[in-house]
Protein backbone atom coordinates (compact mmCIF):
# COMPACT_ATOMS: atom_id res chain seq x y z
CA MET A 1 -98.75 203.42 1.19
CA THR A 2 -98.53 205.29 4.46
CA ASP A 3 -101.49 203.31 5.74
CA VAL A 4 -99.00 199.93 4.73
CA ALA A 5 -95.97 201.18 6.54
CA GLU A 6 -97.98 201.98 9.45
CA ARG A 7 -99.23 198.47 9.76
CA ALA A 8 -95.42 197.29 9.03
CA GLY A 9 -93.57 199.54 11.07
CA VAL A 10 -91.30 200.66 8.91
CA SER A 11 -90.45 203.79 6.60
CA LEU A 12 -92.43 205.58 3.81
CA ALA A 13 -89.61 204.39 1.31
CA THR A 14 -89.20 200.83 2.57
CA VAL A 15 -92.35 200.76 1.37
CA ASP A 16 -91.50 202.67 -1.57
CA ARG A 17 -88.55 200.11 -2.55
CA VAL A 18 -90.48 197.04 -1.92
CA ILE A 19 -93.50 198.13 -3.52
CA ASN A 20 -91.62 199.30 -6.82
CA ARG A 21 -88.76 196.37 -5.92
CA ARG A 22 -85.52 197.81 -5.34
CA LYS A 23 -82.76 196.19 -3.72
CA GLY A 24 -81.73 197.50 -0.40
CA VAL A 25 -84.86 195.82 1.72
CA LYS A 26 -84.54 192.76 4.58
CA GLU A 27 -86.03 190.05 3.20
CA ARG A 28 -88.44 189.42 6.32
CA THR A 29 -89.06 193.25 6.15
CA ARG A 30 -90.23 192.60 2.21
CA GLN A 31 -92.27 189.85 3.43
CA GLN A 32 -93.97 192.28 6.51
CA VAL A 33 -95.15 194.85 3.80
CA LEU A 34 -96.56 192.74 1.57
CA ASP A 35 -98.22 191.11 4.32
CA ALA A 36 -99.88 195.03 5.65
CA ALA A 37 -100.36 195.53 1.88
CA VAL A 38 -102.78 193.12 1.20
CA GLU A 39 -104.30 193.44 4.79
CA LEU A 40 -105.10 196.88 3.80
CA GLY A 41 -106.30 196.07 0.41
CA PHE A 42 -103.24 197.99 -0.90
CA LEU A 43 -102.40 194.92 -3.12
CA GLY A 44 -104.82 192.40 -4.63
CA THR A 45 -103.50 188.62 -3.38
CA ALA A 46 -103.08 188.01 -6.98
CA GLU A 47 -100.81 190.78 -7.54
CA MET A 48 -98.31 188.78 -5.40
CA GLY A 49 -97.63 186.85 -7.30
CA ARG A 50 -95.80 189.42 -8.98
CA PHE A 51 -93.46 189.98 -6.14
CA ASN A 52 -92.62 186.69 -6.01
CA ALA A 53 -92.70 185.09 -9.83
CA GLY A 54 -90.56 185.29 -12.54
CA GLN A 55 -87.46 186.15 -9.90
CA GLN A 56 -83.85 185.29 -10.94
CA ASP A 57 -81.57 185.97 -7.46
CA LYS A 58 -78.42 187.27 -8.66
CA ILE A 59 -75.77 185.44 -6.63
CA VAL A 60 -72.08 186.00 -6.04
CA PHE A 61 -69.53 183.13 -4.83
CA LEU A 62 -66.25 184.76 -3.01
CA LEU A 63 -64.06 181.84 -3.22
CA PRO A 64 -60.41 181.89 -1.85
CA ALA A 65 -57.26 182.68 -4.70
CA GLY A 66 -54.59 179.86 -4.23
CA THR A 67 -53.21 176.47 -5.01
CA ASN A 68 -56.24 174.99 -3.00
CA PRO A 69 -57.23 171.66 -5.77
CA TYR A 70 -60.58 171.73 -3.40
CA LEU A 71 -61.43 175.21 -4.22
CA ARG A 72 -60.32 174.68 -8.09
CA ASP A 73 -62.63 171.45 -8.17
CA LEU A 74 -65.51 174.18 -6.48
CA GLY A 75 -64.65 176.93 -9.19
CA GLU A 76 -65.08 174.37 -11.64
CA HIS A 77 -68.14 173.56 -10.72
CA LEU A 78 -69.67 176.72 -10.41
CA ARG A 79 -68.67 178.01 -13.62
CA ALA A 80 -69.80 174.63 -15.43
CA ARG A 81 -73.41 175.96 -12.96
CA VAL A 82 -72.75 179.77 -15.08
CA ALA A 83 -72.66 178.06 -18.43
CA GLU A 84 -75.97 176.02 -17.55
CA ARG A 85 -77.80 179.26 -17.77
CA GLU A 86 -81.39 178.45 -16.78
CA ASP A 87 -83.83 180.63 -17.42
CA SER A 88 -85.53 180.24 -14.32
CA GLY A 89 -82.82 180.05 -12.37
CA PRO A 90 -80.51 182.47 -10.52
CA ARG A 91 -78.08 184.36 -12.03
CA ILE A 92 -74.23 183.76 -10.06
CA ARG A 93 -71.49 185.42 -10.77
CA CYS A 94 -68.13 183.41 -8.86
CA PHE A 95 -64.87 185.59 -8.06
CA PHE A 96 -61.80 184.28 -6.68
CA ILE A 97 -60.22 186.56 -3.23
CA GLU A 98 -56.35 187.07 -2.65
CA GLY A 99 -57.17 184.07 0.45
CA PHE A 100 -56.27 185.05 3.94
CA ASN A 101 -56.75 188.22 3.10
CA ALA A 102 -59.42 190.07 5.49
CA ARG A 103 -59.74 193.56 3.73
CA ALA A 104 -59.67 192.19 0.26
CA LEU A 105 -62.32 189.78 1.56
CA ALA A 106 -63.91 192.50 3.20
CA GLU A 107 -64.04 195.07 0.54
CA ALA A 108 -65.34 192.46 -2.14
CA ILE A 109 -68.45 191.60 -0.15
CA ARG A 110 -68.73 195.42 0.01
CA ARG A 111 -68.28 195.74 -4.06
CA ASN A 112 -70.56 192.86 -5.12
CA ALA A 113 -72.97 194.23 -2.92
CA ASP A 114 -74.16 196.92 -5.60
CA TRP A 115 -75.06 193.86 -7.56
CA ALA A 116 -75.93 190.64 -5.42
CA ASP A 117 -79.09 189.93 -4.03
CA GLY A 118 -77.05 187.28 -2.25
CA ILE A 119 -73.21 186.38 -1.22
CA ALA A 120 -72.01 183.20 -0.58
CA PHE A 121 -68.26 183.29 0.86
CA PHE A 122 -65.21 181.41 2.72
CA ALA A 123 -65.49 183.49 5.86
CA ILE A 124 -62.50 184.90 7.76
CA ASP A 125 -62.93 185.89 11.72
CA HIS A 126 -61.71 189.03 10.67
CA PRO A 127 -63.39 192.84 12.21
CA GLU A 128 -62.94 193.80 8.77
CA VAL A 129 -65.23 190.84 7.42
CA ARG A 130 -67.69 191.12 10.60
CA GLU A 131 -68.09 195.24 9.99
CA ALA A 132 -68.61 194.48 6.39
CA VAL A 133 -71.30 191.66 6.40
CA ALA A 134 -73.30 194.06 9.29
CA GLU A 135 -72.77 197.53 6.14
CA VAL A 136 -74.22 195.16 3.96
CA ALA A 137 -76.96 193.02 5.90
CA GLN A 138 -78.35 196.25 6.29
CA ARG A 139 -79.02 197.06 2.48
CA GLY A 140 -80.55 194.10 2.39
CA VAL A 141 -78.16 191.48 1.12
CA ARG A 142 -78.24 188.34 1.88
CA LEU A 143 -75.28 186.68 3.43
CA VAL A 144 -74.32 183.04 3.60
CA THR A 145 -70.96 181.63 5.04
CA ILE A 146 -69.78 178.32 3.25
CA VAL A 147 -66.75 175.95 4.92
CA SER A 148 -65.94 178.53 7.62
CA ASP A 149 -68.69 180.21 9.73
CA LEU A 150 -68.64 183.89 10.65
CA GLY A 151 -70.71 183.54 13.61
CA HIS A 152 -72.06 186.94 12.69
CA ALA A 153 -75.55 187.64 13.73
CA ASP A 154 -76.42 189.30 10.31
CA CYS A 155 -75.61 186.27 8.40
CA ASP A 156 -78.62 184.23 7.24
CA ALA A 157 -77.33 181.35 7.05
CA TYR A 158 -73.82 179.04 7.12
CA VAL A 159 -73.47 176.25 4.94
CA GLY A 160 -70.35 173.35 5.96
CA HIS A 161 -69.89 170.80 8.22
CA GLU A 162 -70.42 171.43 12.47
CA ASN A 163 -66.24 171.58 12.16
CA ARG A 164 -66.14 171.16 15.71
CA SER A 165 -67.16 167.61 15.63
CA VAL A 166 -65.11 167.04 12.52
CA GLY A 167 -61.98 168.11 14.22
CA ARG A 168 -63.29 165.21 17.26
CA THR A 169 -63.53 162.54 14.19
CA ALA A 170 -60.07 162.96 13.38
CA GLY A 171 -58.63 162.79 16.40
CA LEU A 172 -60.67 159.81 17.24
CA LEU A 173 -59.48 158.08 13.90
CA ILE A 174 -55.77 158.54 14.30
CA GLY A 175 -55.68 157.73 17.78
CA ARG A 176 -57.42 154.27 17.06
CA PHE A 177 -55.09 153.92 13.91
CA VAL A 178 -52.28 153.91 16.14
CA ALA A 179 -52.91 151.57 18.31
CA GLY A 180 -51.27 152.08 21.19
CA ARG A 181 -48.23 153.17 20.76
CA GLU A 182 -46.72 156.35 22.13
CA GLY A 183 -44.99 159.46 20.71
CA SER A 184 -46.62 162.75 18.75
CA VAL A 185 -49.21 163.67 16.22
CA ALA A 186 -49.00 166.79 14.49
CA LEU A 187 -51.43 169.38 12.67
CA VAL A 188 -51.19 171.28 9.98
CA ALA A 189 -53.78 174.45 9.24
CA GLY A 190 -54.46 176.72 6.27
CA SER A 191 -55.13 179.58 9.21
CA ARG A 192 -56.85 179.74 12.14
CA HIS A 193 -58.52 182.94 10.69
CA TYR A 194 -60.34 180.57 9.48
CA ARG A 195 -63.21 179.29 12.26
CA ALA A 196 -63.40 176.32 10.32
CA HIS A 197 -59.75 175.47 10.83
CA SER A 198 -59.53 177.03 14.14
CA GLU A 199 -62.59 175.03 15.57
CA ARG A 200 -61.28 171.87 13.47
CA GLU A 201 -58.46 172.65 15.78
CA ALA A 202 -60.10 172.65 19.35
CA GLY A 203 -62.19 169.23 18.24
CA PHE A 204 -59.07 167.28 17.93
CA LEU A 205 -57.34 169.01 21.15
CA SER A 206 -60.24 167.74 23.14
CA ILE A 207 -60.57 164.39 22.08
CA GLN A 208 -57.16 163.65 22.68
CA GLU A 209 -57.06 165.16 25.68
CA GLU A 210 -60.12 163.09 26.63
CA LEU A 211 -58.78 159.18 25.30
CA PHE A 212 -55.41 159.62 24.08
CA PRO A 213 -53.05 161.19 26.50
CA HIS A 214 -50.27 159.23 25.50
CA LEU A 215 -50.09 161.25 22.15
CA ARG A 216 -47.80 164.41 22.60
CA LEU A 217 -49.21 166.97 21.00
CA VAL A 218 -46.55 169.05 18.27
CA GLY A 219 -47.86 172.86 17.73
CA MET A 220 -49.93 173.87 14.66
CA ARG A 221 -48.15 175.03 11.24
CA GLU A 222 -50.00 177.28 9.43
CA GLY A 223 -49.70 176.47 5.75
CA HIS A 224 -52.03 178.75 3.81
CA ASP A 225 -53.21 176.29 1.60
CA ASP A 226 -50.46 175.66 -0.11
CA SER A 227 -49.27 172.47 -1.38
CA ALA A 228 -45.38 174.03 -1.52
CA GLN A 229 -46.07 175.55 2.26
CA ASN A 230 -47.21 172.19 3.45
CA TYR A 231 -44.55 169.84 1.81
CA ARG A 232 -41.71 172.18 4.08
CA HIS A 233 -43.93 171.72 7.39
CA THR A 234 -44.06 167.95 6.37
CA ILE A 235 -40.41 167.83 6.36
CA ALA A 236 -39.75 170.30 9.37
CA LEU A 237 -42.15 167.67 11.65
CA LEU A 238 -40.02 164.71 10.68
CA ASP A 239 -36.70 166.19 11.44
CA GLN A 240 -37.25 167.27 14.33
CA ASN A 241 -40.33 164.81 15.84
CA PRO A 242 -38.70 161.06 14.93
CA ASP A 243 -41.64 159.58 16.77
CA LEU A 244 -43.83 161.16 14.75
CA LEU A 245 -47.14 158.83 14.29
CA GLY A 246 -50.00 161.00 13.11
CA ILE A 247 -49.98 164.02 11.13
CA TYR A 248 -54.64 165.65 10.43
CA ASN A 249 -54.38 168.12 8.06
CA VAL A 250 -57.23 170.74 9.12
CA GLY A 251 -57.10 172.99 5.53
CA GLY A 252 -56.55 171.79 1.77
CA SER A 253 -53.67 171.14 -0.69
CA SER A 254 -52.31 167.61 1.22
CA GLY A 255 -50.64 166.38 -1.58
CA GLY A 256 -47.79 168.28 -0.69
CA ILE A 257 -47.73 166.69 2.79
CA ALA A 258 -48.21 163.46 0.88
CA ARG A 259 -44.97 164.04 -1.15
CA ALA A 260 -43.17 164.66 1.42
CA LEU A 261 -44.58 161.23 3.55
CA LEU A 262 -43.35 159.20 0.35
CA GLU A 263 -40.14 160.96 0.29
CA ARG A 264 -39.02 160.42 3.30
CA ASP A 265 -40.39 156.86 3.62
CA ARG A 266 -42.98 157.02 6.84
CA PRO A 267 -45.73 154.69 5.64
CA ASP A 268 -45.93 154.60 9.54
CA VAL A 269 -47.78 157.88 10.02
CA VAL A 270 -51.19 158.09 9.95
CA PHE A 271 -53.03 160.99 7.96
CA ILE A 272 -56.11 162.34 7.79
CA GLY A 273 -57.23 165.22 5.46
CA HIS A 274 -60.13 167.17 3.77
CA GLY A 275 -61.55 167.24 0.38
CA LEU A 276 -61.45 164.61 -2.48
CA THR A 277 -59.29 165.50 -5.06
CA ARG A 278 -56.77 164.16 -7.65
CA ASP A 279 -54.10 164.45 -4.93
CA THR A 280 -55.74 163.58 -2.07
CA ARG A 281 -57.33 160.06 -4.00
CA ASN A 282 -53.75 159.46 -5.71
CA ALA A 283 -52.32 159.28 -1.82
CA LEU A 284 -55.42 157.35 -0.51
CA VAL A 285 -54.95 154.76 -3.61
CA ASP A 286 -50.87 154.38 -2.85
CA GLY A 287 -51.73 153.84 1.36
CA THR A 288 -50.10 157.59 1.93
CA MET A 289 -53.20 158.73 3.07
CA ASP A 290 -55.74 156.61 5.34
CA ALA A 291 -58.80 159.20 5.04
CA VAL A 292 -60.31 161.85 3.68
CA PHE A 293 -63.32 163.92 5.24
CA ASN A 294 -65.07 165.01 1.98
CA THR A 295 -67.81 167.98 1.35
CA ASP A 296 -69.05 167.80 -2.10
CA PRO A 297 -68.24 170.90 -4.37
CA GLU A 298 -72.06 170.08 -6.29
CA THR A 299 -74.08 169.83 -2.61
CA LEU A 300 -72.12 172.93 -1.04
CA VAL A 301 -73.44 175.40 -4.19
CA GLU A 302 -76.59 173.88 -4.61
CA ARG A 303 -77.30 174.32 -0.25
CA ALA A 304 -76.29 177.58 -0.64
CA ILE A 305 -78.07 178.90 -3.38
CA ASP A 306 -81.00 177.23 -1.32
CA ALA A 307 -80.18 179.17 1.44
CA ILE A 308 -80.13 182.65 -0.48
CA GLY A 309 -83.26 181.89 -2.14
CA GLN A 310 -85.35 180.59 0.68
CA PRO A 311 -84.24 183.18 3.57
CA GLY A 312 -85.34 182.73 6.90
CA ARG A 313 -85.65 178.34 6.78
CA PRO A 314 -83.16 177.06 9.19
CA VAL A 315 -80.28 175.29 7.37
CA ALA A 316 -78.83 171.51 9.19
CA PRO A 317 -75.33 170.95 8.88
CA MET A 318 -74.17 168.54 6.02
CA LYS A 319 -73.57 165.20 7.06
CA LEU A 320 -69.48 164.28 7.21
CA GLU A 321 -68.32 161.77 4.52
CA ILE A 322 -65.44 159.85 5.25
CA ILE A 323 -63.23 158.16 2.24
CA PHE A 324 -61.29 155.54 2.61
CA ARG A 325 -58.75 153.72 0.33
CA GLU A 326 -61.74 150.97 0.30
CA ASN A 327 -65.08 153.28 -0.28
CA LEU A 328 -63.81 155.21 -3.22
CA PRO A 329 -66.26 156.78 -5.39
């Protein structure tokens, strides 16, 4: 084992953890040790099989709690995935963490690292979360961000859209749909602490300045992905900006915005949001919403599981699915 440690460039304790299949070793380090063990004859090639075959990854998903319909749908899909209990598949747990609370997320990452081989989570871009990620990664736990990235070197992968491009696409659609009219456009977000939301905002702003300078941008409102808050923000926007032409909901819970537009009888306002759920489907059908950017929950979950199960493998950004009333699935 000392020879293996020297060949692999690791400590004897690390070799011991790998050989005895204990947690606390990064995947690339584990593979270095196994390769060195085979090269030195400490393990036979046939013995390598027992280190990979039959192992079930233990995976935890951490989702923000709240009233966001898309997150509820994602949670339902995960519950169904857990209920399948495939003998050869990963063991999955799912927990809802207080939304927009960086400390709660950091504590959940640390707490679940004791059980999990990998953790998939909505990242909050905050020092406490980055510190927890660095600590847990040192213990060999694989970390994958979903929907909103962290941009942290210790995260193994990000599964989601290229959000700046998404924001530019939203700005392009609104700019084209208002058809040359002059007026104001507004953004509603969950929170800028989600990098996905701030990147979408930046993309939206960039294309507005580039192609549609005649549109006046109203400052972003943070609705924390809550339907009631989004409703109140929209009522205020309509009251304060009679020339309002478009709204882009950067986050979730678009039902509140749709309700406000219906109540004020403003079908002229172009409205674009995220997540095909019951409320956004209804808004598309009745014409209150013009387009929805969708991330299929099943695809998101399966790609996150694959990213944790195959560390080091590049993960391409998810393709953007744009749904209009005419192409509702």
